[in-house]
Amino acid sequence: MANGGWSKDQLRSYSFDVDQIPRLKVDDSRVDQLISHGQPVVITDSRLVESALKWNLDYLRSNIGDGIFNVYESPNHLFKYYDEKKLDKKLPGSNGPFRPPTKRLEMKFDEFYDFMKKTTERDKRIYLQQGLNDTVGQNIVRDFLQFNWKWVRGQQIRNNWGPQTSNLLLISQEGNVTPCHYDEQENFFAQVGGYKRVILFPPSQFDCLYPYPVYHPHDRQSQVNFENPDYKQFPKFRDVRGLESVVGPGDVLYLPSYWFHHFETLINGGTATSITFWYKAAAAEQIVRPFKPQQKMVIMRNIEKMVLEALGSEEELIPFMESLVLGRYSSDLRTVKS
């Protein structure tokens, strides 16, 4: 294959243009500069998860222990996140309850292993997404302790990030897609096995990606179907432009908070295994204007949450926001008419 293990025919096709995410060695001074400015970069030779590069399905089956793992099942290749805490809310304009696009299963790793080995016999896809915890076996703990914590903690301190919140183990079937969304934490996304394509969009393209309202179970997810975009409903999506890269074993992607991201495990590329390193974002020490796009996203989220809490009803939120904005702050009304 081309590109050291993959070829372009393993990538899905989309309607928008993309540029390349910078790809730099860990000792390149530009790495620290990009991270400090909240800009994505693919980092090579960091040895962050070198001790986990042997974590294939067989090794994990033998060593990960008897704990219970969260495994999501989908009728297709899409694994769109939803907030289980919001499933009981009635959505404005809906005829019935929200139907999750995937189903969360709980199983031991042996069962997951068997599912993965029999995928050709099943009409559904699966995706393991589990925080690493104290139920794992001793060999996994030993590998975990040998991660390059000195480097990653150095980044945490240098950038004034808050505490680390979790390490998530991700094991995906070939062809699986995690649709476009954003997170509110800083993330080092370390690829352990196989290949994943990532497409990023900066916070400045918020209005082109149409995220769901905060009350929706798909909060923080883009409403746009990348494979068949509805330009009538989402006209600004025509203006979107992404940054992309394919990450392979040993690569680490710095994924800044509030950057939209879309992940896909390569078609016909086998299983892909990844580990995330999540950190609370740095607290703003002082107000500096003009605000950055990330800060504006925080403000918008907080306004939505505050208004929703005050109204106490999702049904009232939409007409309230329309009354607040339409005809008063529309793009064709740059100045208030006398």
C-alpha atoms as a PDB file:
ATOM      1  CA  MET A   1       0.000   0.000   0.000  1.00  0.00           C
ATOM      2  CA  ALA A   2       0.951   3.621  -0.418  1.00  0.00           C
ATOM      3  CA  ASN A   3       1.613   6.055   2.459  1.00  0.00           C
ATOM      4  CA  GLY A   4       3.210   3.420   4.690  1.00  0.00           C
ATOM      5  CA  GLY A   5       0.207   1.153   5.185  1.00  0.00           C
ATOM      6  CA  TRP A   6      -2.870   2.669   3.540  1.00  0.00           C
ATOM      7  CA  SER A   7      -4.058   4.012   0.207  1.00  0.00           C
ATOM      8  CA  LYS A   8      -6.453   6.776  -0.844  1.00  0.00           C
ATOM      9  CA  ASP A   9      -9.081   4.330  -2.063  1.00  0.00           C
ATOM     10  CA  GLN A  10      -9.661   3.422   1.597  1.00  0.00           C
ATOM     11  CA  LEU A  11     -10.901   6.958   2.336  1.00  0.00           C
ATOM     12  CA  ARG A  12     -14.515   8.081   2.015  1.00  0.00           C
ATOM     13  CA  SER A  13     -15.349  10.874  -0.423  1.00  0.00           C
ATOM     14  CA  TYR A  14     -16.981  14.118   0.672  1.00  0.00           C
ATOM     15  CA  SER A  15     -18.074  17.322  -1.034  1.00  0.00           C
ATOM     16  CA  PHE A  16     -15.747  19.746   0.772  1.00  0.00           C
ATOM     17  CA  ASP A  17     -12.073  20.595   0.349  1.00  0.00           C
ATOM     18  CA  VAL A  18      -9.417  19.742   2.912  1.00  0.00           C
ATOM     19  CA  ASP A  19      -5.890  20.815   3.728  1.00  0.00           C
ATOM     20  CA  GLN A  20      -3.365  18.745   5.646  1.00  0.00           C
ATOM     21  CA  ILE A  21      -2.863  18.876   9.407  1.00  0.00           C
ATOM     22  CA  PRO A  22       0.813  19.657  10.137  1.00  0.00           C
ATOM     23  CA  ARG A  23       2.798  16.488  10.790  1.00  0.00           C
ATOM     24  CA  LEU A  24       5.949  17.050  12.868  1.00  0.00           C
ATOM     25  CA  LYS A  25       8.470  15.136  14.959  1.00  0.00           C
ATOM     26  CA  VAL A  26       8.117  15.547  18.705  1.00  0.00           C
ATOM     27  CA  ASP A  27      11.407  17.485  19.023  1.00  0.00           C
ATOM     28  CA  ASP A  28      10.394  20.070  16.406  1.00  0.00           C
ATOM     29  CA  SER A  29       9.943  23.427  18.179  1.00  0.00           C
ATOM     30  CA  ARG A  30       6.809  24.073  16.132  1.00  0.00           C
ATOM     31  CA  VAL A  31       4.985  21.298  18.036  1.00  0.00           C
ATOM     32  CA  ASP A  32       4.984  23.262  21.275  1.00  0.00           C
ATOM     33  CA  GLN A  33       4.104  26.459  19.430  1.00  0.00           C
ATOM     34  CA  LEU A  34       1.059  24.907  17.753  1.00  0.00           C
ATOM     35  CA  ILE A  35      -0.179  23.307  20.976  1.00  0.00           C
ATOM     36  CA  SER A  36       0.246  26.538  22.942  1.00  0.00           C
ATOM     37  CA  HIS A  37      -1.828  28.367  20.321  1.00  0.00           C
ATOM     38  CA  GLY A  38      -4.579  25.743  20.328  1.00  0.00           C
ATOM     39  CA  GLN A  39      -3.766  24.504  16.822  1.00  0.00           C
ATOM     40  CA  PRO A  40      -3.894  20.809  15.843  1.00  0.00           C
ATOM     41  CA  VAL A  41      -0.783  18.858  14.963  1.00  0.00           C
ATOM     42  CA  VAL A  42       0.082  15.204  14.326  1.00  0.00           C
ATOM     43  CA  ILE A  43       3.134  14.342  16.417  1.00  0.00           C
ATOM     44  CA  THR A  44       5.507  11.525  15.536  1.00  0.00           C
ATOM     45  CA  ASP A  45       8.218   9.811  17.607  1.00  0.00           C
ATOM     46  CA  SER A  46       6.707  10.858  20.954  1.00  0.00           C
ATOM     47  CA  ARG A  47       6.793   7.274  22.313  1.00  0.00           C
ATOM     48  CA  LEU A  48       3.676   8.244  24.251  1.00  0.00           C
ATOM     49  CA  VAL A  49       2.064   4.803  23.922  1.00  0.00           C
ATOM     50  CA  GLU A  50       5.022   2.763  22.687  1.00  0.00           C
ATOM     51  CA  SER A  51       4.398   0.112  25.342  1.00  0.00           C
ATOM     52  CA  ALA A  52       0.852  -0.365  23.998  1.00  0.00           C
ATOM     53  CA  LEU A  53       1.732  -0.858  20.341  1.00  0.00           C
ATOM     54  CA  LYS A  54       1.424  -4.601  20.963  1.00  0.00           C
ATOM     55  CA  TRP A  55      -2.230  -4.213  22.080  1.00  0.00           C
ATOM     56  CA  ASN A  56      -3.855  -6.271  19.355  1.00  0.00           C
ATOM     57  CA  LEU A  57      -7.056  -8.214  20.046  1.00  0.00           C
ATOM     58  CA  ASP A  58      -5.230 -11.380  21.082  1.00  0.00           C
ATOM     59  CA  TYR A  59      -2.934  -9.595  23.534  1.00  0.00           C
ATOM     60  CA  LEU A  60      -5.831  -7.663  25.061  1.00  0.00           C
ATOM     61  CA  ARG A  61      -7.935 -10.801  25.342  1.00  0.00           C
ATOM     62  CA  SER A  62      -5.186 -12.483  27.329  1.00  0.00           C
ATOM     63  CA  ASN A  63      -4.289  -9.551  29.553  1.00  0.00           C
ATOM     64  CA  ILE A  64      -7.046  -6.980  29.942  1.00  0.00           C
ATOM     65  CA  GLY A  65      -8.939  -8.788  32.709  1.00  0.00           C
ATOM     66  CA  ASP A  66     -12.537  -9.691  33.472  1.00  0.00           C
ATOM     67  CA  GLY A  67     -14.020  -6.214  33.666  1.00  0.00           C
ATOM     68  CA  ILE A  68     -17.147  -5.054  31.853  1.00  0.00           C
ATOM     69  CA  PHE A  69     -16.712  -2.961  28.695  1.00  0.00           C
ATOM     70  CA  ASN A  70     -19.030  -0.519  26.935  1.00  0.00           C
ATOM     71  CA  VAL A  71     -19.568  -1.658  23.354  1.00  0.00           C
ATOM     72  CA  TYR A  72     -21.811   0.219  20.940  1.00  0.00           C
ATOM     73  CA  GLU A  73     -23.769  -1.590  18.259  1.00  0.00           C
ATOM     74  CA  SER A  74     -24.965   0.108  15.072  1.00  0.00           C
ATOM     75  CA  PRO A  75     -27.077  -1.097  12.127  1.00  0.00           C
ATOM     76  CA  ASN A  76     -24.634   0.711   9.816  1.00  0.00           C
ATOM     77  CA  HIS A  77     -21.139   2.225   9.797  1.00  0.00           C
ATOM     78  CA  LEU A  78     -22.128   5.401  11.694  1.00  0.00           C
ATOM     79  CA  PHE A  79     -21.573   5.719  15.450  1.00  0.00           C
ATOM     80  CA  LYS A  80     -23.132   9.045  16.366  1.00  0.00           C
ATOM     81  CA  TYR A  81     -22.776   9.999  20.014  1.00  0.00           C
ATOM     82  CA  TYR A  82     -25.830  10.684  22.157  1.00  0.00           C
ATOM     83  CA  ASP A  83     -26.180  11.712  25.806  1.00  0.00           C
ATOM     84  CA  GLU A  84     -28.053   8.996  27.701  1.00  0.00           C
ATOM     85  CA  LYS A  85     -29.008  11.546  30.377  1.00  0.00           C
ATOM     86  CA  LYS A  86     -31.112  13.421  27.818  1.00  0.00           C
ATOM     87  CA  LEU A  87     -33.003  10.447  26.373  1.00  0.00           C
ATOM     88  CA  ASP A  88     -36.111  11.049  28.469  1.00  0.00           C
ATOM     89  CA  LYS A  89     -36.621  14.619  27.221  1.00  0.00           C
ATOM     90  CA  LYS A  90     -39.399  15.336  24.735  1.00  0.00           C
ATOM     91  CA  LEU A  91     -37.903  17.088  21.728  1.00  0.00           C
ATOM     92  CA  PRO A  92     -39.759  20.113  20.289  1.00  0.00           C
ATOM     93  CA  GLY A  93     -41.694  19.206  17.149  1.00  0.00           C
ATOM     94  CA  SER A  94     -41.122  15.464  17.495  1.00  0.00           C
ATOM     95  CA  ASN A  95     -43.885  12.899  17.182  1.00  0.00           C
ATOM     96  CA  GLY A  96     -42.371  10.498  19.681  1.00  0.00           C
ATOM     97  CA  PRO A  97     -39.383   9.774  21.884  1.00  0.00           C
ATOM     98  CA  PHE A  98     -35.825  10.109  20.610  1.00  0.00           C
ATOM     99  CA  ARG A  99     -34.516   6.872  19.134  1.00  0.00           C
ATOM    100  CA  PRO A 100     -30.790   6.352  19.704  1.00  0.00           C
ATOM    101  CA  PRO A 101     -28.949   5.484  16.476  1.00  0.00           C
ATOM    102  CA  THR A 102     -26.779   2.985  18.334  1.00  0.00           C
ATOM    103  CA  LYS A 103     -27.269   0.602  21.243  1.00  0.00           C
ATOM    104  CA  ARG A 104     -24.904   0.443  24.192  1.00  0.00           C
ATOM    105  CA  LEU A 105     -24.041  -3.090  25.273  1.00  0.00           C
ATOM    106  CA  GLU A 106     -22.057  -4.255  28.277  1.00  0.00           C
ATOM    107  CA  MET A 107     -19.836  -7.289  27.875  1.00  0.00           C
ATOM    108  CA  LYS A 108     -16.565  -8.860  28.896  1.00  0.00           C
ATOM    109  CA  PHE A 109     -13.653  -8.647  26.483  1.00  0.00           C
ATOM    110  CA  ASP A 110     -13.912 -12.328  25.544  1.00  0.00           C
ATOM    111  CA  GLU A 111     -17.403 -11.704  24.209  1.00  0.00           C
ATOM    112  CA  PHE A 112     -16.275  -8.592  22.334  1.00  0.00           C
ATOM    113  CA  TYR A 113     -13.386 -10.599  20.874  1.00  0.00           C
ATOM    114  CA  ASP A 114     -15.791 -13.240  19.578  1.00  0.00           C
ATOM    115  CA  PHE A 115     -18.014 -10.552  18.055  1.00  0.00           C
ATOM    116  CA  MET A 116     -15.030  -9.019  16.249  1.00  0.00           C
ATOM    117  CA  LYS A 117     -13.892 -12.382  14.889  1.00  0.00           C
ATOM    118  CA  LYS A 118     -17.372 -13.155  13.540  1.00  0.00           C
ATOM    119  CA  THR A 119     -18.139  -9.789  11.938  1.00  0.00           C
ATOM    120  CA  THR A 120     -18.624 -11.270   8.487  1.00  0.00           C
ATOM    121  CA  GLU A 121     -21.514 -13.310   9.879  1.00  0.00           C
ATOM    122  CA  ARG A 122     -23.293 -10.335  11.485  1.00  0.00           C
ATOM    123  CA  ASP A 123     -25.405  -7.596   9.925  1.00  0.00           C
ATOM    124  CA  LYS A 124     -24.484  -5.040  12.612  1.00  0.00           C
ATOM    125  CA  ARG A 125     -21.274  -3.241  13.508  1.00  0.00           C
ATOM    126  CA  ILE A 126     -19.663  -2.735  16.910  1.00  0.00           C
ATOM    127  CA  TYR A 127     -17.260  -0.261  18.508  1.00  0.00           C
ATOM    128  CA  LEU A 128     -15.658  -0.598  21.957  1.00  0.00           C
ATOM    129  CA  GLN A 129     -15.353   2.674  23.902  1.00  0.00           C
ATOM    130  CA  GLN A 130     -14.197   2.175  27.467  1.00  0.00           C
ATOM    131  CA  GLY A 131     -12.287   4.187  30.039  1.00  0.00           C
ATOM    132  CA  LEU A 132      -9.191   2.395  31.319  1.00  0.00           C
ATOM    133  CA  ASN A 133      -9.759   1.623  35.000  1.00  0.00           C
ATOM    134  CA  ASP A 134      -8.509  -0.529  37.854  1.00  0.00           C
ATOM    135  CA  THR A 135     -10.186  -3.708  36.575  1.00  0.00           C
ATOM    136  CA  VAL A 136      -7.505  -4.306  33.924  1.00  0.00           C
ATOM    137  CA  GLY A 137      -4.870  -7.002  34.315  1.00  0.00           C
ATOM    138  CA  GLN A 138      -1.339  -6.529  35.640  1.00  0.00           C
ATOM    139  CA  ASN A 139       0.322  -6.556  32.208  1.00  0.00           C
ATOM    140  CA  ILE A 140      -1.971  -3.783  30.985  1.00  0.00           C
ATOM    141  CA  VAL A 141      -1.189  -1.790  34.140  1.00  0.00           C
ATOM    142  CA  ARG A 142       2.528  -2.307  33.514  1.00  0.00           C
ATOM    143  CA  ASP A 143       2.167  -1.128  29.906  1.00  0.00           C
ATOM    144  CA  PHE A 144       0.107   1.856  31.073  1.00  0.00           C
ATOM    145  CA  LEU A 145       2.733   2.939  33.597  1.00  0.00           C
ATOM    146  CA  GLN A 146       5.360   2.839  30.836  1.00  0.00           C
ATOM    147  CA  PHE A 147       3.553   5.436  28.736  1.00  0.00           C
ATOM    148  CA  ASN A 148       5.623   8.588  28.183  1.00  0.00           C
ATOM    149  CA  TRP A 149       3.961  10.428  31.062  1.00  0.00           C
ATOM    150  CA  LYS A 150       6.867  12.850  31.359  1.00  0.00           C
ATOM    151  CA  TRP A 151       6.143  14.299  27.925  1.00  0.00           C
ATOM    152  CA  VAL A 152       2.360  14.458  28.190  1.00  0.00           C
ATOM    153  CA  ARG A 153       2.416  15.882  31.718  1.00  0.00           C
ATOM    154  CA  GLY A 154       4.938  18.446  30.533  1.00  0.00           C
ATOM    155  CA  GLN A 155       2.414  19.586  27.936  1.00  0.00           C
ATOM    156  CA  GLN A 156      -0.288  19.748  30.593  1.00  0.00           C
ATOM    157  CA  ILE A 157       1.837  21.979  32.817  1.00  0.00           C
ATOM    158  CA  ARG A 158       3.210  24.130  30.005  1.00  0.00           C
ATOM    159  CA  ASN A 159      -0.275  24.939  28.724  1.00  0.00           C
ATOM    160  CA  ASN A 160      -1.912  25.394  32.149  1.00  0.00           C
ATOM    161  CA  TRP A 161      -4.479  22.689  31.490  1.00  0.00           C
ATOM    162  CA  GLY A 162      -6.559  21.344  34.312  1.00  0.00           C
ATOM    163  CA  PRO A 163      -6.414  17.759  35.604  1.00  0.00           C
ATOM    164  CA  GLN A 164      -6.487  14.710  33.399  1.00  0.00           C
ATOM    165  CA  THR A 165     -10.023  13.327  33.344  1.00  0.00           C
ATOM    166  CA  SER A 166      -9.672   9.968  31.588  1.00  0.00           C
ATOM    167  CA  ASN A 167      -7.928   7.628  29.189  1.00  0.00           C
ATOM    168  CA  LEU A 168     -10.391   6.083  26.770  1.00  0.00           C
ATOM    169  CA  LEU A 169      -9.653   2.833  24.943  1.00  0.00           C
ATOM    170  CA  LEU A 170     -11.235   2.750  21.483  1.00  0.00           C
ATOM    171  CA  ILE A 171     -11.382  -0.390  19.337  1.00  0.00           C
ATOM    172  CA  SER A 172     -13.142  -0.016  16.008  1.00  0.00           C
ATOM    173  CA  GLN A 173     -14.052  -2.259  13.124  1.00  0.00           C
ATOM    174  CA  GLU A 174     -12.810  -1.280   9.688  1.00  0.00           C
ATOM    175  CA  GLY A 175     -15.049   1.261   7.981  1.00  0.00           C
ATOM    176  CA  ASN A 176     -16.650   2.606  11.175  1.00  0.00           C
ATOM    177  CA  VAL A 177     -17.284   6.359  11.292  1.00  0.00           C
ATOM    178  CA  THR A 178     -17.636   8.701  14.264  1.00  0.00           C
ATOM    179  CA  PRO A 179     -19.548  11.663  12.755  1.00  0.00           C
ATOM    180  CA  CYS A 180     -18.515  15.274  13.192  1.00  0.00           C
ATOM    181  CA  HIS A 181     -18.740  16.749  16.696  1.00  0.00           C
ATOM    182  CA  TYR A 182     -16.733  18.781  19.170  1.00  0.00           C
ATOM    183  CA  ASP A 183     -15.594  18.224  22.767  1.00  0.00           C
ATOM    184  CA  GLU A 184     -14.980  20.666  25.588  1.00  0.00           C
ATOM    185  CA  GLN A 185     -11.636  19.204  26.702  1.00  0.00           C
ATOM    186  CA  GLU A 186      -8.089  19.037  25.367  1.00  0.00           C
ATOM    187  CA  ASN A 187      -7.142  15.679  23.884  1.00  0.00           C
ATOM    188  CA  PHE A 188      -4.043  13.810  22.820  1.00  0.00           C
ATOM    189  CA  PHE A 189      -5.380  11.081  20.531  1.00  0.00           C
ATOM    190  CA  ALA A 190      -2.800   8.286  20.357  1.00  0.00           C
ATOM    191  CA  GLN A 191      -3.055   5.648  17.650  1.00  0.00           C
ATOM    192  CA  VAL A 192      -2.020   2.186  18.814  1.00  0.00           C
ATOM    193  CA  GLY A 193      -2.960  -0.138  15.951  1.00  0.00           C
ATOM    194  CA  GLY A 194      -4.423   0.221  12.479  1.00  0.00           C
ATOM    195  CA  TYR A 195      -5.210   3.508  10.738  1.00  0.00           C
ATOM    196  CA  LYS A 196      -7.780   6.241  11.228  1.00  0.00           C
ATOM    197  CA  ARG A 197      -8.568   9.286   9.154  1.00  0.00           C
ATOM    198  CA  VAL A 198      -9.428  12.453  11.024  1.00  0.00           C
ATOM    199  CA  ILE A 199     -11.001  15.567   9.542  1.00  0.00           C
ATOM    200  CA  LEU A 200     -10.964  18.705  11.686  1.00  0.00           C
ATOM    201  CA  PHE A 201     -12.807  22.012  11.442  1.00  0.00           C
ATOM    202  CA  PRO A 202     -11.863  25.079  13.506  1.00  0.00           C
ATOM    203  CA  PRO A 203     -14.343  26.698  15.916  1.00  0.00           C
ATOM    204  CA  SER A 204     -14.637  29.607  13.463  1.00  0.00           C
ATOM    205  CA  GLN A 205     -16.720  27.278  11.233  1.00  0.00           C
ATOM    206  CA  PHE A 206     -19.370  26.738  13.918  1.00  0.00           C
ATOM    207  CA  ASP A 207     -22.124  28.294  11.781  1.00  0.00           C
ATOM    208  CA  CYS A 208     -21.228  26.054   8.806  1.00  0.00           C
ATOM    209  CA  LEU A 209     -21.642  22.818  10.794  1.00  0.00           C
ATOM    210  CA  TYR A 210     -24.998  23.438  12.510  1.00  0.00           C
ATOM    211  CA  PRO A 211     -24.559  21.652  15.865  1.00  0.00           C
ATOM    212  CA  TYR A 212     -27.693  20.433  17.621  1.00  0.00           C
ATOM    213  CA  PRO A 213     -29.230  22.535  20.441  1.00  0.00           C
ATOM    214  CA  VAL A 214     -27.823  21.905  23.925  1.00  0.00           C
ATOM    215  CA  TYR A 215     -30.988  20.110  25.103  1.00  0.00           C
ATOM    216  CA  HIS A 216     -30.814  17.516  22.322  1.00  0.00           C
ATOM    217  CA  PRO A 217     -29.291  14.060  22.995  1.00  0.00           C
ATOM    218  CA  HIS A 218     -26.973  14.790  20.035  1.00  0.00           C
ATOM    219  CA  ASP A 219     -25.687  17.975  21.694  1.00  0.00           C
ATOM    220  CA  ARG A 220     -22.242  18.954  20.286  1.00  0.00           C
ATOM    221  CA  GLN A 221     -22.829  16.853  17.130  1.00  0.00           C
ATOM    222  CA  SER A 222     -23.181  18.384  13.676  1.00  0.00           C
ATOM    223  CA  GLN A 223     -26.637  17.975  12.160  1.00  0.00           C
ATOM    224  CA  VAL A 224     -25.164  17.691   8.655  1.00  0.00           C
ATOM    225  CA  ASN A 225     -24.955  14.277   7.018  1.00  0.00           C
ATOM    226  CA  PHE A 226     -21.504  14.486   5.402  1.00  0.00           C
ATOM    227  CA  GLU A 227     -22.309  11.672   2.985  1.00  0.00           C
ATOM    228  CA  ASN A 228     -25.469  13.345   1.683  1.00  0.00           C
ATOM    229  CA  PRO A 229     -25.594  16.987   2.826  1.00  0.00           C
ATOM    230  CA  ASP A 230     -28.913  18.823   2.641  1.00  0.00           C
ATOM    231  CA  TYR A 231     -27.811  22.221   1.338  1.00  0.00           C
ATOM    232  CA  LYS A 232     -31.334  23.576   1.455  1.00  0.00           C
ATOM    233  CA  GLN A 233     -31.516  23.030   5.205  1.00  0.00           C
ATOM    234  CA  PHE A 234     -27.819  23.682   5.846  1.00  0.00           C
ATOM    235  CA  PRO A 235     -26.709  26.149   3.121  1.00  0.00           C
ATOM    236  CA  LYS A 236     -23.540  27.353   4.870  1.00  0.00           C
ATOM    237  CA  PHE A 237     -22.124  23.837   4.774  1.00  0.00           C
ATOM    238  CA  ARG A 238     -21.069  24.687   1.198  1.00  0.00           C
ATOM    239  CA  ASP A 239     -18.455  26.994   2.730  1.00  0.00           C
ATOM    240  CA  VAL A 240     -16.886  24.465   5.086  1.00  0.00           C
ATOM    241  CA  ARG A 241     -13.221  23.544   4.667  1.00  0.00           C
ATOM    242  CA  GLY A 242     -11.399  20.961   6.731  1.00  0.00           C
ATOM    243  CA  LEU A 243      -7.970  19.801   7.812  1.00  0.00           C
ATOM    244  CA  GLU A 244      -7.193  16.107   7.535  1.00  0.00           C
ATOM    245  CA  SER A 245      -4.639  13.453   8.314  1.00  0.00           C
ATOM    246  CA  VAL A 246      -4.390   9.682   8.548  1.00  0.00           C
ATOM    247  CA  VAL A 247      -2.852   8.540  11.817  1.00  0.00           C
ATOM    248  CA  GLY A 248      -1.142   5.189  12.247  1.00  0.00           C
ATOM    249  CA  PRO A 249       0.598   3.260  15.040  1.00  0.00           C
ATOM    250  CA  GLY A 250       2.653   5.593  17.244  1.00  0.00           C
ATOM    251  CA  ASP A 251       1.157   8.811  15.882  1.00  0.00           C
ATOM    252  CA  VAL A 252      -0.375  11.273  18.353  1.00  0.00           C
ATOM    253  CA  LEU A 253      -2.900  13.904  17.288  1.00  0.00           C
ATOM    254  CA  TYR A 254      -3.260  17.004  19.420  1.00  0.00           C
ATOM    255  CA  LEU A 255      -6.988  17.743  19.233  1.00  0.00           C
ATOM    256  CA  PRO A 256      -7.762  21.165  20.727  1.00  0.00           C
ATOM    257  CA  SER A 257     -10.945  21.752  22.679  1.00  0.00           C
ATOM    258  CA  TYR A 258     -13.934  22.993  20.674  1.00  0.00           C
ATOM    259  CA  TRP A 259     -12.466  21.888  17.343  1.00  0.00           C
ATOM    260  CA  PHE A 260     -14.997  19.840  15.363  1.00  0.00           C
ATOM    261  CA  HIS A 261     -13.682  16.399  14.415  1.00  0.00           C
ATOM    262  CA  HIS A 262     -14.803  13.480  12.272  1.00  0.00           C
ATOM    263  CA  PHE A 263     -13.058  10.090  12.560  1.00  0.00           C
ATOM    264  CA  GLU A 264     -13.210   7.106  10.254  1.00  0.00           C
ATOM    265  CA  THR A 265     -11.466   3.754  10.485  1.00  0.00           C
ATOM    266  CA  LEU A 266     -10.163   3.039   6.998  1.00  0.00           C
ATOM    267  CA  ILE A 267     -12.246   0.887   4.671  1.00  0.00           C
ATOM    268  CA  ASN A 268     -10.743  -2.611   4.371  1.00  0.00           C
ATOM    269  CA  GLY A 269      -8.065  -1.549   6.842  1.00  0.00           C
ATOM    270  CA  GLY A 270      -8.719  -3.983   9.659  1.00  0.00           C
ATOM    271  CA  THR A 271      -9.244  -3.169  13.321  1.00  0.00           C
ATOM    272  CA  ALA A 272      -8.063   0.192  14.652  1.00  0.00           C
ATOM    273  CA  THR A 273      -7.115   0.741  18.302  1.00  0.00           C
ATOM    274  CA  SER A 274      -6.627   4.147  19.918  1.00  0.00           C
ATOM    275  CA  ILE A 275      -6.107   5.670  23.378  1.00  0.00           C
ATOM    276  CA  THR A 276      -7.194   9.175  24.318  1.00  0.00           C
ATOM    277  CA  PHE A 277      -5.658  11.454  26.941  1.00  0.00           C
ATOM    278  CA  TRP A 278      -8.308  13.945  28.103  1.00  0.00           C
ATOM    279  CA  TYR A 279      -7.519  17.120  30.053  1.00  0.00           C
ATOM    280  CA  LYS A 280      -9.649  19.939  31.365  1.00  0.00           C
ATOM    281  CA  ALA A 281      -9.033  23.072  29.300  1.00  0.00           C
ATOM    282  CA  ALA A 282      -7.088  25.944  30.825  1.00  0.00           C
ATOM    283  CA  ALA A 283      -9.148  28.480  32.749  1.00  0.00           C
ATOM    284  CA  ALA A 284      -9.129  32.021  31.349  1.00  0.00           C
ATOM    285  CA  GLU A 285      -6.924  34.109  33.616  1.00  0.00           C
ATOM    286  CA  GLN A 286      -8.157  37.415  32.219  1.00  0.00           C
ATOM    287  CA  ILE A 287     -10.651  38.714  29.686  1.00  0.00           C
ATOM    288  CA  VAL A 288      -8.954  39.680  26.437  1.00  0.00           C
ATOM    289  CA  ARG A 289     -11.003  41.052  23.574  1.00  0.00           C
ATOM    290  CA  PRO A 290     -11.719  40.297  20.817  1.00  0.00           C
ATOM    291  CA  PHE A 291     -12.697  36.820  21.963  1.00  0.00           C
ATOM    292  CA  LYS A 292     -11.314  33.764  20.197  1.00  0.00           C
ATOM    293  CA  PRO A 293     -13.779  31.510  18.310  1.00  0.00           C
ATOM    294  CA  GLN A 294     -13.468  28.875  21.085  1.00  0.00           C
ATOM    295  CA  GLN A 295     -14.467  31.465  23.666  1.00  0.00           C
ATOM    296  CA  LYS A 296     -17.448  32.526  21.586  1.00  0.00           C
ATOM    297  CA  MET A 297     -18.602  28.895  21.440  1.00  0.00           C
ATOM    298  CA  VAL A 298     -18.402  28.726  25.237  1.00  0.00           C
ATOM    299  CA  ILE A 299     -20.483  31.906  25.500  1.00  0.00           C
ATOM    300  CA  MET A 300     -23.105  30.557  23.093  1.00  0.00           C
ATOM    301  CA  ARG A 301     -23.376  27.272  25.004  1.00  0.00           C
ATOM    302  CA  ASN A 302     -23.738  29.102  28.292  1.00  0.00           C
ATOM    303  CA  ILE A 303     -26.426  31.397  26.894  1.00  0.00           C
ATOM    304  CA  GLU A 304     -28.409  28.421  25.592  1.00  0.00           C
ATOM    305  CA  LYS A 305     -28.121  26.615  28.924  1.00  0.00           C
ATOM    306  CA  MET A 306     -29.042  29.720  30.944  1.00  0.00           C
ATOM    307  CA  VAL A 307     -32.116  30.523  28.849  1.00  0.00           C
ATOM    308  CA  LEU A 308     -33.248  26.893  28.894  1.00  0.00           C
ATOM    309  CA  GLU A 309     -32.876  26.721  32.665  1.00  0.00           C
ATOM    310  CA  ALA A 310     -34.785  29.985  33.091  1.00  0.00           C
ATOM    311  CA  LEU A 311     -37.641  28.926  30.790  1.00  0.00           C
ATOM    312  CA  GLY A 312     -37.746  25.371  32.123  1.00  0.00           C
ATOM    313  CA  SER A 313     -39.010  24.067  28.781  1.00  0.00           C
ATOM    314  CA  GLU A 314     -37.387  22.951  25.542  1.00  0.00           C
ATOM    315  CA  GLU A 315     -40.655  23.785  23.742  1.00  0.00           C
ATOM    316  CA  GLU A 316     -40.331  27.438  24.740  1.00  0.00           C
ATOM    317  CA  LEU A 317     -36.641  27.763  23.874  1.00  0.00           C
ATOM    318  CA  ILE A 318     -37.032  27.839  20.085  1.00  0.00           C
ATOM    319  CA  PRO A 319     -39.673  30.622  19.870  1.00  0.00           C
ATOM    320  CA  PHE A 320     -37.806  32.571  22.546  1.00  0.00           C
ATOM    321  CA  MET A 321     -34.523  32.477  20.610  1.00  0.00           C
ATOM    322  CA  GLU A 322     -36.327  33.338  17.378  1.00  0.00           C
ATOM    323  CA  SER A 323     -37.966  36.348  19.011  1.00  0.00           C
ATOM    324  CA  LEU A 324     -34.613  37.425  20.374  1.00  0.00           C
ATOM    325  CA  VAL A 325     -32.709  37.202  17.076  1.00  0.00           C
ATOM    326  CA  LEU A 326     -34.908  37.183  13.953  1.00  0.00           C
ATOM    327  CA  GLY A 327     -35.510  40.614  12.525  1.00  0.00           C
ATOM    328  CA  ARG A 328     -33.166  42.162  15.087  1.00  0.00           C
ATOM    329  CA  TYR A 329     -29.773  40.509  14.638  1.00  0.00           C
ATOM    330  CA  SER A 330     -30.082  38.991  11.163  1.00  0.00           C
ATOM    331  CA  SER A 331     -27.038  39.194   8.877  1.00  0.00           C
ATOM    332  CA  ASP A 332     -28.838  41.617   6.533  1.00  0.00           C
ATOM    333  CA  LEU A 333     -29.390  44.064   9.381  1.00  0.00           C
ATOM    334  CA  ARG A 334     -25.874  45.175  10.157  1.00  0.00           C
ATOM    335  CA  THR A 335     -27.140  48.499  11.481  1.00  0.00           C
ATOM    336  CA  VAL A 336     -30.271  49.220  13.486  1.00  0.00           C
ATOM    337  CA  LYS A 337     -32.795  51.015  11.320  1.00  0.00           C
ATOM    338  CA  SER A 338     -33.990  54.387  12.556  1.00  0.00           C
END
